Amino acid sequence: MATVPPISTNGHIDLTEEEAAALFDREARRYLGMSGQEFITAWESGKFDENPDQSDVMYVAMLLPLVQ
């Protein structure tokens, strides 16, 4: 598994595809208790449509470009 650098609030880091996928998975597990792939499946199937403005959901959703 790729080692993911800690998230920095004041800088830019370049990630490989593997690092980006690991970061996405880590954050989905941290904030929502599901894997990154489980989040993608739930997001695409509309599981979060009733209340998409949950801060944890939106945080992970904003990371989707890392893995798409």
C-alpha atoms as a PDB file:
ATOM      1  CA  MET A   1       0.000   0.000   0.000  1.00  0.00           C
ATOM      2  CA  ALA A   2       1.205   3.489  -0.818  1.00  0.00           C
ATOM      3  CA  THR A   3       2.386   5.779   1.898  1.00  0.00           C
ATOM      4  CA  VAL A   4       0.374   8.975   1.863  1.00  0.00           C
ATOM      5  CA  PRO A   5       1.910  12.223   3.040  1.00  0.00           C
ATOM      6  CA  PRO A   6      -0.148  14.082   5.647  1.00  0.00           C
ATOM      7  CA  ILE A   7      -2.593  16.618   4.282  1.00  0.00           C
ATOM      8  CA  SER A   8      -1.121  20.100   4.384  1.00  0.00           C
ATOM      9  CA  THR A   9      -3.281  23.186   4.597  1.00  0.00           C
ATOM     10  CA  ASN A  10      -0.657  25.572   3.281  1.00  0.00           C
ATOM     11  CA  GLY A  11       1.049  23.871   0.394  1.00  0.00           C
ATOM     12  CA  HIS A  12       0.795  21.756  -2.693  1.00  0.00           C
ATOM     13  CA  ILE A  13       1.876  18.147  -2.938  1.00  0.00           C
ATOM     14  CA  ASP A  14       2.090  15.975  -6.034  1.00  0.00           C
ATOM     15  CA  LEU A  15       0.659  12.494  -5.695  1.00  0.00           C
ATOM     16  CA  THR A  16       1.048   9.419  -7.827  1.00  0.00           C
ATOM     17  CA  GLU A  17      -2.182   7.656  -8.824  1.00  0.00           C
ATOM     18  CA  GLU A  18      -1.515   5.070  -6.138  1.00  0.00           C
ATOM     19  CA  GLU A  19      -0.951   7.733  -3.469  1.00  0.00           C
ATOM     20  CA  ALA A  20      -4.091   9.602  -4.545  1.00  0.00           C
ATOM     21  CA  ALA A  21      -6.172   6.418  -4.325  1.00  0.00           C
ATOM     22  CA  ALA A  22      -4.727   5.664  -0.877  1.00  0.00           C
ATOM     23  CA  LEU A  23      -5.479   9.210   0.300  1.00  0.00           C
ATOM     24  CA  PHE A  24      -9.053   9.014  -0.987  1.00  0.00           C
ATOM     25  CA  ASP A  25      -9.592   5.640   0.670  1.00  0.00           C
ATOM     26  CA  ARG A  26      -8.083   6.832   3.959  1.00  0.00           C
ATOM     27  CA  GLU A  27     -10.296   9.915   4.095  1.00  0.00           C
ATOM     28  CA  ALA A  28     -13.470   7.997   3.162  1.00  0.00           C
ATOM     29  CA  ARG A  29     -12.743   5.537   5.963  1.00  0.00           C
ATOM     30  CA  ARG A  30     -11.897   8.339   8.401  1.00  0.00           C
ATOM     31  CA  TYR A  31     -14.945  10.499   7.732  1.00  0.00           C
ATOM     32  CA  LEU A  32     -17.592   8.004   6.654  1.00  0.00           C
ATOM     33  CA  GLY A  33     -16.462   4.598   7.854  1.00  0.00           C
ATOM     34  CA  MET A  34     -16.438   3.134   4.353  1.00  0.00           C
ATOM     35  CA  SER A  35     -13.789   2.397   1.774  1.00  0.00           C
ATOM     36  CA  GLY A  36     -13.127   4.762  -1.075  1.00  0.00           C
ATOM     37  CA  GLN A  37     -14.687   2.313  -3.531  1.00  0.00           C
ATOM     38  CA  GLU A  38     -17.764   1.936  -1.319  1.00  0.00           C
ATOM     39  CA  PHE A  39     -18.101   5.728  -1.266  1.00  0.00           C
ATOM     40  CA  ILE A  40     -17.841   5.955  -5.066  1.00  0.00           C
ATOM     41  CA  THR A  41     -20.513   3.275  -5.473  1.00  0.00           C
ATOM     42  CA  ALA A  42     -22.814   4.960  -2.944  1.00  0.00           C
ATOM     43  CA  TRP A  43     -22.238   8.404  -4.472  1.00  0.00           C
ATOM     44  CA  GLU A  44     -22.955   7.205  -8.007  1.00  0.00           C
ATOM     45  CA  SER A  45     -26.077   5.300  -6.909  1.00  0.00           C
ATOM     46  CA  GLY A  46     -27.514   8.405  -5.216  1.00  0.00           C
ATOM     47  CA  LYS A  47     -27.256   7.210  -1.618  1.00  0.00           C
ATOM     48  CA  PHE A  48     -26.400  10.737  -0.469  1.00  0.00           C
ATOM     49  CA  ASP A  49     -28.976  12.564  -2.628  1.00  0.00           C
ATOM     50  CA  GLU A  50     -31.414  13.227   0.228  1.00  0.00           C
ATOM     51  CA  ASN A  51     -28.846  15.123   2.273  1.00  0.00           C
ATOM     52  CA  PRO A  52     -25.754  15.831   0.149  1.00  0.00           C
ATOM     53  CA  ASP A  53     -24.705  18.845   2.206  1.00  0.00           C
ATOM     54  CA  GLN A  54     -23.367  16.803   5.108  1.00  0.00           C
ATOM     55  CA  SER A  55     -19.903  18.191   5.685  1.00  0.00           C
ATOM     56  CA  ASP A  56     -18.243  14.751   5.846  1.00  0.00           C
ATOM     57  CA  VAL A  57     -19.897  13.656   2.604  1.00  0.00           C
ATOM     58  CA  MET A  58     -18.943  16.872   0.821  1.00  0.00           C
ATOM     59  CA  TYR A  59     -15.349  16.661   2.044  1.00  0.00           C
ATOM     60  CA  VAL A  60     -14.916  13.177   0.596  1.00  0.00           C
ATOM     61  CA  ALA A  61     -16.854  14.114  -2.563  1.00  0.00           C
ATOM     62  CA  MET A  62     -14.443  16.985  -3.179  1.00  0.00           C
ATOM     63  CA  LEU A  63     -11.634  14.418  -3.275  1.00  0.00           C
ATOM     64  CA  LEU A  64     -13.304  12.442  -6.086  1.00  0.00           C
ATOM     65  CA  PRO A  65     -11.202  14.136  -8.808  1.00  0.00           C
ATOM     66  CA  LEU A  66      -8.167  12.449  -7.258  1.00  0.00           C
ATOM     67  CA  VAL A  67      -9.462   9.057  -8.326  1.00  0.00           C
ATOM     68  CA  GLN A  68     -11.427   9.771 -11.490  1.00  0.00           C
END
